[in-house]
Amino acid sequence: MKTVEEYMSLPYRMEIVSDSLEGGYVISYPDLPGCLSSGKDIAEAIRNGEAAKREWFVAAIESGYQISEPDRLSSYSGRFKLRIPKTLHRKLVIQAKNEGVSLNQYCVYLLSKNSNQI
């Protein structure tokens, strides 16, 4: 098992969302279940999030909880196969042609445009 400092040095992904009910921002770490904090502005939320992450590691180590390594981009190839209806394929090809880009570029554009809804 690593030390708190070793875990703190790993690139755990931090998510920041605005808190529409209380105001300010909420910080969470998807790879660290239940680890979250908040602050009145982004800077304070990040400081509080780092402190919460440190305390989360301390508690996890003391209790013998299995700490997951951060999810790394190198684990993903950037490729996946997708089967779609022929009619949708045709529509996408036409739209890509109208935009003057490849079908691949157009699909990446559509996916990235809508990725915030995932």
PDB file of N, CA and C in Angstrom:
ATOM      1  N   MET A   1       0.850  -1.186   0.000  1.00  0.00           N
ATOM      2  CA  MET A   1       0.000   0.000   0.000  1.00  0.00           C
ATOM      3  C   MET A   1       0.892   1.245   0.000  1.00  0.00           C
ATOM      4  N   LYS A   2       0.485   2.249  -0.751  1.00  0.00           N
ATOM      5  CA  LYS A   2       1.231   3.497  -0.850  1.00  0.00           C
ATOM      6  C   LYS A   2       0.984   4.377   0.373  1.00  0.00           C
ATOM      7  N   THR A   3       1.808   5.413   0.503  1.00  0.00           N
ATOM      8  CA  THR A   3       1.606   6.402   1.554  1.00  0.00           C
ATOM      9  C   THR A   3       0.608   7.452   1.069  1.00  0.00           C
ATOM     10  N   VAL A   4       0.141   8.278   1.995  1.00  0.00           N
ATOM     11  CA  VAL A   4      -0.779   9.368   1.630  1.00  0.00           C
ATOM     12  C   VAL A   4      -0.123  10.264   0.586  1.00  0.00           C
ATOM     13  N   GLU A   5       1.139  10.590   0.788  1.00  0.00           N
ATOM     14  CA  GLU A   5       1.842  11.477  -0.159  1.00  0.00           C
ATOM     15  C   GLU A   5       1.945  10.841  -1.546  1.00  0.00           C
ATOM     16  N   GLU A   6       2.173   9.540  -1.593  1.00  0.00           N
ATOM     17  CA  GLU A   6       2.245   8.858  -2.894  1.00  0.00           C
ATOM     18  C   GLU A   6       0.891   8.909  -3.593  1.00  0.00           C
ATOM     19  N   TYR A   7      -0.189   8.669  -2.848  1.00  0.00           N
ATOM     20  CA  TYR A   7      -1.517   8.761  -3.451  1.00  0.00           C
ATOM     21  C   TYR A   7      -1.835  10.193  -3.882  1.00  0.00           C
ATOM     22  N   MET A   8      -1.437  11.168  -3.078  1.00  0.00           N
ATOM     23  CA  MET A   8      -1.708  12.573  -3.401  1.00  0.00           C
ATOM     24  C   MET A   8      -1.007  12.991  -4.691  1.00  0.00           C
ATOM     25  N   SER A   9       0.108  12.352  -5.013  1.00  0.00           N
ATOM     26  CA  SER A   9       0.858  12.724  -6.216  1.00  0.00           C
ATOM     27  C   SER A   9       0.279  12.106  -7.499  1.00  0.00           C
ATOM     28  N   LEU A  10      -0.642  11.167  -7.345  1.00  0.00           N
ATOM     29  CA  LEU A  10      -1.237  10.524  -8.523  1.00  0.00           C
ATOM     30  C   LEU A  10      -2.297  11.429  -9.142  1.00  0.00           C
ATOM     31  N   PRO A  11      -2.494  11.326 -10.461  1.00  0.00           N
ATOM     32  CA  PRO A  11      -3.415  12.233 -11.169  1.00  0.00           C
ATOM     33  C   PRO A  11      -4.888  11.810 -11.101  1.00  0.00           C
ATOM     34  N   TYR A  12      -5.472  11.899  -9.905  1.00  0.00           N
ATOM     35  CA  TYR A  12      -6.894  11.580  -9.776  1.00  0.00           C
ATOM     36  C   TYR A  12      -7.714  12.694 -10.426  1.00  0.00           C
ATOM     37  N   ARG A  13      -8.715  12.304 -11.198  1.00  0.00           N
ATOM     38  CA  ARG A  13      -9.574  13.260 -11.908  1.00  0.00           C
ATOM     39  C   ARG A  13     -10.494  13.957 -10.917  1.00  0.00           C
ATOM     40  N   MET A  14     -10.548  15.280 -11.040  1.00  0.00           N
ATOM     41  CA  MET A  14     -11.403  16.104 -10.186  1.00  0.00           C
ATOM     42  C   MET A  14     -12.544  16.654 -11.042  1.00  0.00           C
ATOM     43  N   GLU A  15     -13.760  16.579 -10.531  1.00  0.00           N
ATOM     44  CA  GLU A  15     -14.905  17.177 -11.220  1.00  0.00           C
ATOM     45  C   GLU A  15     -15.394  18.359 -10.403  1.00  0.00           C
ATOM     46  N   ILE A  16     -15.674  19.471 -11.086  1.00  0.00           N
ATOM     47  CA  ILE A  16     -16.159  20.681 -10.435  1.00  0.00           C
ATOM     48  C   ILE A  16     -17.517  21.020 -11.038  1.00  0.00           C
ATOM     49  N   VAL A  17     -18.518  21.163 -10.197  1.00  0.00           N
ATOM     50  CA  VAL A  17     -19.852  21.556 -10.659  1.00  0.00           C
ATOM     51  C   VAL A  17     -20.363  22.686  -9.780  1.00  0.00           C
ATOM     52  N   SER A  18     -21.139  23.577 -10.384  1.00  0.00           N
ATOM     53  CA  SER A  18     -21.713  24.662  -9.588  1.00  0.00           C
ATOM     54  C   SER A  18     -22.870  24.110  -8.764  1.00  0.00           C
ATOM     55  N   ASP A  19     -23.024  24.649  -7.574  1.00  0.00           N
ATOM     56  CA  ASP A  19     -24.089  24.227  -6.659  1.00  0.00           C
ATOM     57  C   ASP A  19     -25.229  25.225  -6.786  1.00  0.00           C
ATOM     58  N   SER A  20     -26.243  24.867  -7.559  1.00  0.00           N
ATOM     59  CA  SER A  20     -27.343  25.792  -7.841  1.00  0.00           C
ATOM     60  C   SER A  20     -28.231  26.028  -6.619  1.00  0.00           C
ATOM     61  N   LEU A  21     -28.224  25.126  -5.653  1.00  0.00           N
ATOM     62  CA  LEU A  21     -29.058  25.297  -4.464  1.00  0.00           C
ATOM     63  C   LEU A  21     -28.384  26.157  -3.393  1.00  0.00           C
ATOM     64  N   GLU A  22     -27.137  25.849  -3.083  1.00  0.00           N
ATOM     65  CA  GLU A  22     -26.428  26.528  -1.993  1.00  0.00           C
ATOM     66  C   GLU A  22     -25.522  27.655  -2.495  1.00  0.00           C
ATOM     67  N   GLY A  23     -25.228  27.662  -3.786  1.00  0.00           N
ATOM     68  CA  GLY A  23     -24.243  28.598  -4.322  1.00  0.00           C
ATOM     69  C   GLY A  23     -22.856  27.995  -4.195  1.00  0.00           C
ATOM     70  N   GLY A  24     -21.912  28.558  -4.890  1.00  0.00           N
ATOM     71  CA  GLY A  24     -20.549  28.048  -4.864  1.00  0.00           C
ATOM     72  C   GLY A  24     -20.364  26.853  -5.764  1.00  0.00           C
ATOM     73  N   TYR A  25     -19.375  26.021  -5.418  1.00  0.00           N
ATOM     74  CA  TYR A  25     -18.995  24.893  -6.261  1.00  0.00           C
ATOM     75  C   TYR A  25     -18.757  23.645  -5.424  1.00  0.00           C
ATOM     76  N   VAL A  26     -19.005  22.500  -6.034  1.00  0.00           N
ATOM     77  CA  VAL A  26     -18.775  21.206  -5.390  1.00  0.00           C
ATOM     78  C   VAL A  26     -17.681  20.485  -6.162  1.00  0.00           C
ATOM     79  N   ILE A  27     -16.746  19.918  -5.423  1.00  0.00           N
ATOM     80  CA  ILE A  27     -15.631  19.153  -5.989  1.00  0.00           C
ATOM     81  C   ILE A  27     -15.852  17.688  -5.645  1.00  0.00           C
ATOM     82  N   SER A  28     -15.630  16.816  -6.620  1.00  0.00           N
ATOM     83  CA  SER A  28     -15.664  15.380  -6.335  1.00  0.00           C
ATOM     84  C   SER A  28     -14.564  14.693  -7.130  1.00  0.00           C
ATOM     85  N   TYR A  29     -14.222  13.494  -6.690  1.00  0.00           N
ATOM     86  CA  TYR A  29     -13.205  12.673  -7.343  1.00  0.00           C
ATOM     87  C   TYR A  29     -13.869  11.348  -7.710  1.00  0.00           C
ATOM     88  N   PRO A  30     -14.207  11.141  -8.982  1.00  0.00           N
ATOM     89  CA  PRO A  30     -14.934   9.933  -9.387  1.00  0.00           C
ATOM     90  C   PRO A  30     -14.257   8.613  -9.010  1.00  0.00           C
ATOM     91  N   ASP A  31     -12.923   8.598  -8.933  1.00  0.00           N
ATOM     92  CA  ASP A  31     -12.220   7.362  -8.584  1.00  0.00           C
ATOM     93  C   ASP A  31     -12.140   7.129  -7.077  1.00  0.00           C
ATOM     94  N   LEU A  32     -12.615   8.109  -6.274  1.00  0.00           N
ATOM     95  CA  LEU A  32     -12.559   8.007  -4.816  1.00  0.00           C
ATOM     96  C   LEU A  32     -13.975   8.146  -4.266  1.00  0.00           C
ATOM     97  N   PRO A  33     -14.702   7.053  -4.129  1.00  0.00           N
ATOM     98  CA  PRO A  33     -16.117   7.094  -3.735  1.00  0.00           C
ATOM     99  C   PRO A  33     -16.350   7.875  -2.440  1.00  0.00           C
ATOM    100  N   GLY A  34     -17.255   8.837  -2.514  1.00  0.00           N
ATOM    101  CA  GLY A  34     -17.631   9.619  -1.342  1.00  0.00           C
ATOM    102  C   GLY A  34     -16.702  10.774  -1.028  1.00  0.00           C
ATOM    103  N   CYS A  35     -15.650  10.952  -1.799  1.00  0.00           N
ATOM    104  CA  CYS A  35     -14.714  12.046  -1.553  1.00  0.00           C
ATOM    105  C   CYS A  35     -15.205  13.290  -2.279  1.00  0.00           C
ATOM    106  N   LEU A  36     -15.694  14.257  -1.501  1.00  0.00           N
ATOM    107  CA  LEU A  36     -16.169  15.501  -2.096  1.00  0.00           C
ATOM    108  C   LEU A  36     -16.061  16.634  -1.097  1.00  0.00           C
ATOM    109  N   SER A  37     -16.097  17.835  -1.627  1.00  0.00           N
ATOM    110  CA  SER A  37     -16.034  19.029  -0.802  1.00  0.00           C
ATOM    111  C   SER A  37     -16.666  20.161  -1.588  1.00  0.00           C
ATOM    112  N   SER A  38     -16.641  21.367  -1.005  1.00  0.00           N
ATOM    113  CA  SER A  38     -17.238  22.509  -1.692  1.00  0.00           C
ATOM    114  C   SER A  38     -16.516  23.783  -1.280  1.00  0.00           C
ATOM    115  N   GLY A  39     -16.877  24.879  -1.944  1.00  0.00           N
ATOM    116  CA  GLY A  39     -16.320  26.181  -1.627  1.00  0.00           C
ATOM    117  C   GLY A  39     -17.155  27.267  -2.263  1.00  0.00           C
ATOM    118  N   LYS A  40     -16.994  28.496  -1.764  1.00  0.00           N
ATOM    119  CA  LYS A  40     -17.811  29.601  -2.285  1.00  0.00           C
ATOM    120  C   LYS A  40     -17.371  30.035  -3.680  1.00  0.00           C
ATOM    121  N   ASP A  41     -16.090  29.776  -4.026  1.00  0.00           N
ATOM    122  CA  ASP A  41     -15.618  30.032  -5.387  1.00  0.00           C
ATOM    123  C   ASP A  41     -14.757  28.840  -5.803  1.00  0.00           C
ATOM    124  N   ILE A  42     -14.340  28.825  -7.059  1.00  0.00           N
ATOM    125  CA  ILE A  42     -13.605  27.659  -7.574  1.00  0.00           C
ATOM    126  C   ILE A  42     -12.293  27.456  -6.826  1.00  0.00           C
ATOM    127  N   ALA A  43     -11.558  28.538  -6.549  1.00  0.00           N
ATOM    128  CA  ALA A  43     -10.271  28.400  -5.855  1.00  0.00           C
ATOM    129  C   ALA A  43     -10.454  27.776  -4.477  1.00  0.00           C
ATOM    130  N   GLU A  44     -11.446  28.255  -3.734  1.00  0.00           N
ATOM    131  CA  GLU A  44     -11.695  27.699  -2.409  1.00  0.00           C
ATOM    132  C   GLU A  44     -12.162  26.243  -2.511  1.00  0.00           C
ATOM    133  N   ALA A  45     -12.993  25.946  -3.489  1.00  0.00           N
ATOM    134  CA  ALA A  45     -13.480  24.576  -3.672  1.00  0.00           C
ATOM    135  C   ALA A  45     -12.320  23.632  -3.975  1.00  0.00           C
ATOM    136  N   ILE A  46     -11.376  24.071  -4.790  1.00  0.00           N
ATOM    137  CA  ILE A  46     -10.211  23.233  -5.116  1.00  0.00           C
ATOM    138  C   ILE A  46      -9.350  23.018  -3.878  1.00  0.00           C
ATOM    139  N   ARG A  47      -9.090  24.074  -3.105  1.00  0.00           N
ATOM    140  CA  ARG A  47      -8.307  23.924  -1.866  1.00  0.00           C
ATOM    141  C   ARG A  47      -8.998  22.940  -0.919  1.00  0.00           C
ATOM    142  N   ASN A  48     -10.304  23.126  -0.741  1.00  0.00           N
ATOM    143  CA  ASN A  48     -11.061  22.235   0.143  1.00  0.00           C
ATOM    144  C   ASN A  48     -11.094  20.812  -0.409  1.00  0.00           C
ATOM    145  N   GLY A  49     -11.170  20.688  -1.735  1.00  0.00           N
ATOM    146  CA  GLY A  49     -11.173  19.366  -2.363  1.00  0.00           C
ATOM    147  C   GLY A  49      -9.866  18.631  -2.134  1.00  0.00           C
ATOM    148  N   GLU A  50      -8.748  19.346  -2.229  1.00  0.00           N
ATOM    149  CA  GLU A  50      -7.439  18.727  -1.981  1.00  0.00           C
ATOM    150  C   GLU A  50      -7.332  18.269  -0.525  1.00  0.00           C
ATOM    151  N   ALA A  51      -7.835  19.087   0.401  1.00  0.00           N
ATOM    152  CA  ALA A  51      -7.815  18.703   1.819  1.00  0.00           C
ATOM    153  C   ALA A  51      -8.701  17.482   2.052  1.00  0.00           C
ATOM    154  N   ALA A  52      -9.862  17.461   1.416  1.00  0.00           N
ATOM    155  CA  ALA A  52     -10.776  16.320   1.562  1.00  0.00           C
ATOM    156  C   ALA A  52     -10.150  15.055   0.983  1.00  0.00           C
ATOM    157  N   LYS A  53      -9.456  15.204  -0.149  1.00  0.00           N
ATOM    158  CA  LYS A  53      -8.801  14.049  -0.768  1.00  0.00           C
ATOM    159  C   LYS A  53      -7.726  13.490   0.170  1.00  0.00           C
ATOM    160  N   ARG A  54      -6.937  14.362   0.778  1.00  0.00           N
ATOM    161  CA  ARG A  54      -5.904  13.926   1.717  1.00  0.00           C
ATOM    162  C   ARG A  54      -6.536  13.150   2.887  1.00  0.00           C
ATOM    163  N   GLU A  55      -7.578  13.707   3.467  1.00  0.00           N
ATOM    164  CA  GLU A  55      -8.241  13.047   4.602  1.00  0.00           C
ATOM    165  C   GLU A  55      -8.895  11.739   4.170  1.00  0.00           C
ATOM    166  N   TRP A  56      -9.403  11.687   2.951  1.00  0.00           N
ATOM    167  CA  TRP A  56      -9.992  10.456   2.420  1.00  0.00           C
ATOM    168  C   TRP A  56      -8.929   9.368   2.369  1.00  0.00           C
ATOM    169  N   PHE A  57      -7.727   9.729   1.868  1.00  0.00           N
ATOM    170  CA  PHE A  57      -6.632   8.747   1.801  1.00  0.00           C
ATOM    171  C   PHE A  57      -6.228   8.285   3.202  1.00  0.00           C
ATOM    172  N   VAL A  58      -6.116   9.214   4.141  1.00  0.00           N
ATOM    173  CA  VAL A  58      -5.744   8.853   5.519  1.00  0.00           C
ATOM    174  C   VAL A  58      -6.744   7.841   6.076  1.00  0.00           C
ATOM    175  N   ALA A  59      -8.033   8.153   5.948  1.00  0.00           N
ATOM    176  CA  ALA A  59      -9.080   7.262   6.479  1.00  0.00           C
ATOM    177  C   ALA A  59      -9.063   5.906   5.771  1.00  0.00           C
ATOM    178  N   ALA A  60      -8.869   5.927   4.442  1.00  0.00           N
ATOM    179  CA  ALA A  60      -8.858   4.675   3.682  1.00  0.00           C
ATOM    180  C   ALA A  60      -7.687   3.795   4.093  1.00  0.00           C
ATOM    181  N   ILE A  61      -6.520   4.398   4.267  1.00  0.00           N
ATOM    182  CA  ILE A  61      -5.339   3.627   4.668  1.00  0.00           C
ATOM    183  C   ILE A  61      -5.527   3.068   6.073  1.00  0.00           C
ATOM    184  N   GLU A  62      -6.012   3.899   6.996  1.00  0.00           N
ATOM    185  CA  GLU A  62      -6.219   3.442   8.379  1.00  0.00           C
ATOM    186  C   GLU A  62      -7.214   2.292   8.473  1.00  0.00           C
ATOM    187  N   SER A  63      -8.227   2.308   7.611  1.00  0.00           N
ATOM    188  CA  SER A  63      -9.244   1.260   7.678  1.00  0.00           C
ATOM    189  C   SER A  63      -8.929   0.058   6.784  1.00  0.00           C
ATOM    190  N   GLY A  64      -7.832   0.127   6.045  1.00  0.00           N
ATOM    191  CA  GLY A  64      -7.456  -0.978   5.168  1.00  0.00           C
ATOM    192  C   GLY A  64      -8.276  -1.050   3.890  1.00  0.00           C
ATOM    193  N   TYR A  65      -8.945   0.055   3.538  1.00  0.00           N
ATOM    194  CA  TYR A  65      -9.774   0.116   2.331  1.00  0.00           C
ATOM    195  C   TYR A  65      -8.884   0.038   1.088  1.00  0.00           C
ATOM    196  N   GLN A  66      -9.300  -0.733   0.104  1.00  0.00           N
ATOM    197  CA  GLN A  66      -8.566  -0.866  -1.152  1.00  0.00           C
ATOM    198  C   GLN A  66      -8.730   0.407  -1.972  1.00  0.00           C
ATOM    199  N   ILE A  67      -7.648   1.127  -2.196  1.00  0.00           N
ATOM    200  CA  ILE A  67      -7.682   2.389  -2.946  1.00  0.00           C
ATOM    201  C   ILE A  67      -7.367   2.104  -4.407  1.00  0.00           C
ATOM    202  N   SER A  68      -8.251   2.506  -5.279  1.00  0.00           N
ATOM    203  CA  SER A  68      -8.058   2.300  -6.718  1.00  0.00           C
ATOM    204  C   SER A  68      -7.069   3.314  -7.276  1.00  0.00           C
ATOM    205  N   GLU A  69      -6.306   2.868  -8.249  1.00  0.00           N
ATOM    206  CA  GLU A  69      -5.427   3.791  -8.972  1.00  0.00           C
ATOM    207  C   GLU A  69      -6.307   4.681  -9.849  1.00  0.00           C
ATOM    208  N   PRO A  70      -5.829   5.877 -10.183  1.00  0.00           N
ATOM    209  CA  PRO A  70      -6.637   6.752 -11.038  1.00  0.00           C
ATOM    210  C   PRO A  70      -6.819   6.151 -12.427  1.00  0.00           C
ATOM    211  N   ASP A  71      -7.965   6.445 -13.000  1.00  0.00           N
ATOM    212  CA  ASP A  71      -8.267   6.038 -14.361  1.00  0.00           C
ATOM    213  C   ASP A  71      -7.339   6.829 -15.292  1.00  0.00           C
ATOM    214  N   ARG A  72      -6.617   6.165 -16.156  1.00  0.00           N
ATOM    215  CA  ARG A  72      -5.642   6.840 -17.022  1.00  0.00           C
ATOM    216  C   ARG A  72      -6.095   6.826 -18.481  1.00  0.00           C
ATOM    217  N   LEU A  73      -5.823   7.927 -19.169  1.00  0.00           N
ATOM    218  CA  LEU A  73      -6.172   8.009 -20.586  1.00  0.00           C
ATOM    219  C   LEU A  73      -5.452   6.951 -21.406  1.00  0.00           C
ATOM    220  N   SER A  74      -4.277   6.533 -20.965  1.00  0.00           N
ATOM    221  CA  SER A  74      -3.530   5.531 -21.728  1.00  0.00           C
ATOM    222  C   SER A  74      -4.261   4.194 -21.765  1.00  0.00           C
ATOM    223  N   SER A  75      -5.293   4.034 -20.923  1.00  0.00           N
ATOM    224  CA  SER A  75      -6.080   2.809 -20.926  1.00  0.00           C
ATOM    225  C   SER A  75      -7.060   2.755 -22.094  1.00  0.00           C
ATOM    226  N   TYR A  76      -7.188   3.869 -22.797  1.00  0.00           N
ATOM    227  CA  TYR A  76      -8.174   3.968 -23.875  1.00  0.00           C
ATOM    228  C   TYR A  76      -7.470   4.154 -25.216  1.00  0.00           C
ATOM    229  N   SER A  77      -7.917   3.423 -26.221  1.00  0.00           N
ATOM    230  CA  SER A  77      -7.276   3.496 -27.534  1.00  0.00           C
ATOM    231  C   SER A  77      -7.810   4.640 -28.378  1.00  0.00           C
ATOM    232  N   GLY A  78      -8.993   5.143 -28.044  1.00  0.00           N
ATOM    233  CA  GLY A  78      -9.602   6.171 -28.882  1.00  0.00           C
ATOM    234  C   GLY A  78     -10.404   5.576 -30.029  1.00  0.00           C
ATOM    235  N   ARG A  79     -10.574   4.269 -30.015  1.00  0.00           N
ATOM    236  CA  ARG A  79     -11.308   3.594 -31.082  1.00  0.00           C
ATOM    237  C   ARG A  79     -12.384   2.706 -30.482  1.00  0.00           C
ATOM    238  N   PHE A  80     -13.528   2.676 -31.142  1.00  0.00           N
ATOM    239  CA  PHE A  80     -14.563   1.708 -30.814  1.00  0.00           C
ATOM    240  C   PHE A  80     -15.421   1.500 -32.051  1.00  0.00           C
ATOM    241  N   LYS A  81     -15.987   0.328 -32.152  1.00  0.00           N
ATOM    242  CA  LYS A  81     -16.845   0.009 -33.300  1.00  0.00           C
ATOM    243  C   LYS A  81     -18.282   0.256 -32.912  1.00  0.00           C
ATOM    244  N   LEU A  82     -19.052   0.734 -33.872  1.00  0.00           N
ATOM    245  CA  LEU A  82     -20.437   1.058 -33.615  1.00  0.00           C
ATOM    246  C   LEU A  82     -21.265   0.653 -34.833  1.00  0.00           C
ATOM    247  N   ARG A  83     -22.289  -0.124 -34.606  1.00  0.00           N
ATOM    248  CA  ARG A  83     -23.211  -0.491 -35.681  1.00  0.00           C
ATOM    249  C   ARG A  83     -24.413   0.430 -35.585  1.00  0.00           C
ATOM    250  N   ILE A  84     -24.759   1.030 -36.726  1.00  0.00           N
ATOM    251  CA  ILE A  84     -25.901   1.945 -36.753  1.00  0.00           C
ATOM    252  C   ILE A  84     -26.796   1.591 -37.931  1.00  0.00           C
ATOM    253  N   PRO A  85     -28.046   2.021 -37.907  1.00  0.00           N
ATOM    254  CA  PRO A  85     -28.940   1.752 -39.034  1.00  0.00           C
ATOM    255  C   PRO A  85     -28.407   2.410 -40.318  1.00  0.00           C
ATOM    256  N   LYS A  86     -28.675   1.786 -41.437  1.00  0.00           N
ATOM    257  CA  LYS A  86     -28.212   2.302 -42.724  1.00  0.00           C
ATOM    258  C   LYS A  86     -28.746   3.708 -42.995  1.00  0.00           C
ATOM    259  N   THR A  87     -29.972   3.965 -42.573  1.00  0.00           N
ATOM    260  CA  THR A  87     -30.545   5.300 -42.816  1.00  0.00           C
ATOM    261  C   THR A  87     -29.780   6.373 -42.036  1.00  0.00           C
ATOM    262  N   LEU A  88     -29.396   6.075 -40.809  1.00  0.00           N
ATOM    263  CA  LEU A  88     -28.617   7.026 -40.021  1.00  0.00           C
ATOM    264  C   LEU A  88     -27.233   7.210 -40.628  1.00  0.00           C
ATOM    265  N   HIS A  89     -26.629   6.120 -41.078  1.00  0.00           N
ATOM    266  CA  HIS A  89     -25.326   6.184 -41.726  1.00  0.00           C
ATOM    267  C   HIS A  89     -25.386   7.129 -42.932  1.00  0.00           C
ATOM    268  N   ARG A  90     -26.416   6.960 -43.736  1.00  0.00           N
ATOM    269  CA  ARG A  90     -26.582   7.819 -44.925  1.00  0.00           C
ATOM    270  C   ARG A  90     -26.707   9.283 -44.511  1.00  0.00           C
ATOM    271  N   LYS A  91     -27.545   9.575 -43.495  1.00  0.00           N
ATOM    272  CA  LYS A  91     -27.727  10.956 -43.039  1.00  0.00           C
ATOM    273  C   LYS A  91     -26.402  11.564 -42.574  1.00  0.00           C
ATOM    274  N   LEU A  92     -25.645  10.788 -41.820  1.00  0.00           N
ATOM    275  CA  LEU A  92     -24.371  11.285 -41.307  1.00  0.00           C
ATOM    276  C   LEU A  92     -23.373  11.555 -42.433  1.00  0.00           C
ATOM    277  N   VAL A  93     -23.340  10.674 -43.423  1.00  0.00           N
ATOM    278  CA  VAL A  93     -22.449  10.870 -44.566  1.00  0.00           C
ATOM    279  C   VAL A  93     -22.823  12.152 -45.306  1.00  0.00           C
ATOM    280  N   ILE A  94     -24.115  12.364 -45.523  1.00  0.00           N
ATOM    281  CA  ILE A  94     -24.583  13.570 -46.223  1.00  0.00           C
ATOM    282  C   ILE A  94     -24.228  14.822 -45.425  1.00  0.00           C
ATOM    283  N   GLN A  95     -24.479  14.794 -44.108  1.00  0.00           N
ATOM    284  CA  GLN A  95     -24.175  15.962 -43.278  1.00  0.00           C
ATOM    285  C   GLN A  95     -22.675  16.251 -43.246  1.00  0.00           C
ATOM    286  N   ALA A  96     -21.856  15.211 -43.174  1.00  0.00           N
ATOM    287  CA  ALA A  96     -20.403  15.388 -43.176  1.00  0.00           C
ATOM    288  C   ALA A  96     -19.945  16.002 -44.491  1.00  0.00           C
ATOM    289  N   LYS A  97     -20.513  15.511 -45.595  1.00  0.00           N
ATOM    290  CA  LYS A  97     -20.163  16.046 -46.911  1.00  0.00           C
ATOM    291  C   LYS A  97     -20.551  17.522 -47.002  1.00  0.00           C
ATOM    292  N   ASN A  98     -21.742  17.864 -46.496  1.00  0.00           N
ATOM    293  CA  ASN A  98     -22.191  19.258 -46.513  1.00  0.00           C
ATOM    294  C   ASN A  98     -21.279  20.167 -45.689  1.00  0.00           C
ATOM    295  N   GLU A  99     -20.686  19.614 -44.626  1.00  0.00           N
ATOM    296  CA  GLU A  99     -19.764  20.383 -43.771  1.00  0.00           C
ATOM    297  C   GLU A  99     -18.344  20.383 -44.325  1.00  0.00           C
ATOM    298  N   GLY A 100     -18.089  19.537 -45.315  1.00  0.00           N
ATOM    299  CA  GLY A 100     -16.758  19.474 -45.918  1.00  0.00           C
ATOM    300  C   GLY A 100     -15.728  18.760 -45.047  1.00  0.00           C
ATOM    301  N   VAL A 101     -16.199  17.800 -44.237  1.00  0.00           N
ATOM    302  CA  VAL A 101     -15.293  17.045 -43.369  1.00  0.00           C
ATOM    303  C   VAL A 101     -15.546  15.553 -43.562  1.00  0.00           C
ATOM    304  N   SER A 102     -14.634  14.759 -43.024  1.00  0.00           N
ATOM    305  CA  SER A 102     -14.818  13.309 -43.115  1.00  0.00           C
ATOM    306  C   SER A 102     -15.939  12.869 -42.171  1.00  0.00           C
ATOM    307  N   LEU A 103     -16.457  11.689 -42.431  1.00  0.00           N
ATOM    308  CA  LEU A 103     -17.486  11.130 -41.562  1.00  0.00           C
ATOM    309  C   LEU A 103     -16.947  10.981 -40.138  1.00  0.00           C
ATOM    310  N   ASN A 104     -15.696  10.533 -40.017  1.00  0.00           N
ATOM    311  CA  ASN A 104     -15.080  10.380 -38.703  1.00  0.00           C
ATOM    312  C   ASN A 104     -15.019  11.728 -37.967  1.00  0.00           C
ATOM    313  N   GLN A 105     -14.544  12.771 -38.632  1.00  0.00           N
ATOM    314  CA  GLN A 105     -14.458  14.096 -38.010  1.00  0.00           C
ATOM    315  C   GLN A 105     -15.843  14.593 -37.605  1.00  0.00           C
ATOM    316  N   TYR A 106     -16.828  14.365 -38.450  1.00  0.00           N
ATOM    317  CA  TYR A 106     -18.179  14.838 -38.149  1.00  0.00           C
ATOM    318  C   TYR A 106     -18.753  14.105 -36.934  1.00  0.00           C
ATOM    319  N   CYS A 107     -18.527  12.802 -36.849  1.00  0.00           N
ATOM    320  CA  CYS A 107     -19.029  12.032 -35.701  1.00  0.00           C
ATOM    321  C   CYS A 107     -18.314  12.445 -34.414  1.00  0.00           C
ATOM    322  N   VAL A 108     -17.005  12.712 -34.482  1.00  0.00           N
ATOM    323  CA  VAL A 108     -16.283  13.199 -33.305  1.00  0.00           C
ATOM    324  C   VAL A 108     -16.864  14.531 -32.864  1.00  0.00           C
ATOM    325  N   TYR A 109     -17.153  15.412 -33.829  1.00  0.00           N
ATOM    326  CA  TYR A 109     -17.769  16.703 -33.517  1.00  0.00           C
ATOM    327  C   TYR A 109     -19.106  16.497 -32.801  1.00  0.00           C
ATOM    328  N   LEU A 110     -19.971  15.639 -33.344  1.00  0.00           N
ATOM    329  CA  LEU A 110     -21.276  15.409 -32.722  1.00  0.00           C
ATOM    330  C   LEU A 110     -21.150  14.825 -31.324  1.00  0.00           C
ATOM    331  N   LEU A 111     -20.244  13.867 -31.149  1.00  0.00           N
ATOM    332  CA  LEU A 111     -20.063  13.255 -29.828  1.00  0.00           C
ATOM    333  C   LEU A 111     -19.517  14.267 -28.823  1.00  0.00           C
ATOM    334  N   SER A 112     -18.521  15.067 -29.233  1.00  0.00           N
ATOM    335  CA  SER A 112     -17.955  16.029 -28.292  1.00  0.00           C
ATOM    336  C   SER A 112     -18.949  17.143 -27.968  1.00  0.00           C
ATOM    337  N   LYS A 113     -19.762  17.524 -28.943  1.00  0.00           N
ATOM    338  CA  LYS A 113     -20.774  18.557 -28.728  1.00  0.00           C
ATOM    339  C   LYS A 113     -21.784  18.132 -27.669  1.00  0.00           C
ATOM    340  N   ASN A 114     -22.079  16.858 -27.617  1.00  0.00           N
ATOM    341  CA  ASN A 114     -23.086  16.339 -26.700  1.00  0.00           C
ATOM    342  C   ASN A 114     -22.505  15.603 -25.499  1.00  0.00           C
ATOM    343  N   SER A 115     -21.183  15.601 -25.353  1.00  0.00           N
ATOM    344  CA  SER A 115     -20.574  14.821 -24.261  1.00  0.00           C
ATOM    345  C   SER A 115     -20.891  15.391 -22.878  1.00  0.00           C
ATOM    346  N   ASN A 116     -21.255  16.657 -22.778  1.00  0.00           N
ATOM    347  CA  ASN A 116     -21.602  17.231 -21.472  1.00  0.00           C
ATOM    348  C   ASN A 116     -22.919  16.688 -20.953  1.00  0.00           C
ATOM    349  N   GLN A 117     -23.710  16.080 -21.813  1.00  0.00           N
ATOM    350  CA  GLN A 117     -25.005  15.536 -21.402  1.00  0.00           C
ATOM    351  C   GLN A 117     -24.874  14.093 -20.923  1.00  0.00           C
ATOM    352  N   ILE A 118     -23.681  13.535 -21.020  1.00  0.00           N
ATOM    353  CA  ILE A 118     -23.454  12.140 -20.622  1.00  0.00           C
ATOM    354  C   ILE A 118     -23.179  12.074 -19.138  1.00  0.00           C
TER     355      ILE A 118
END
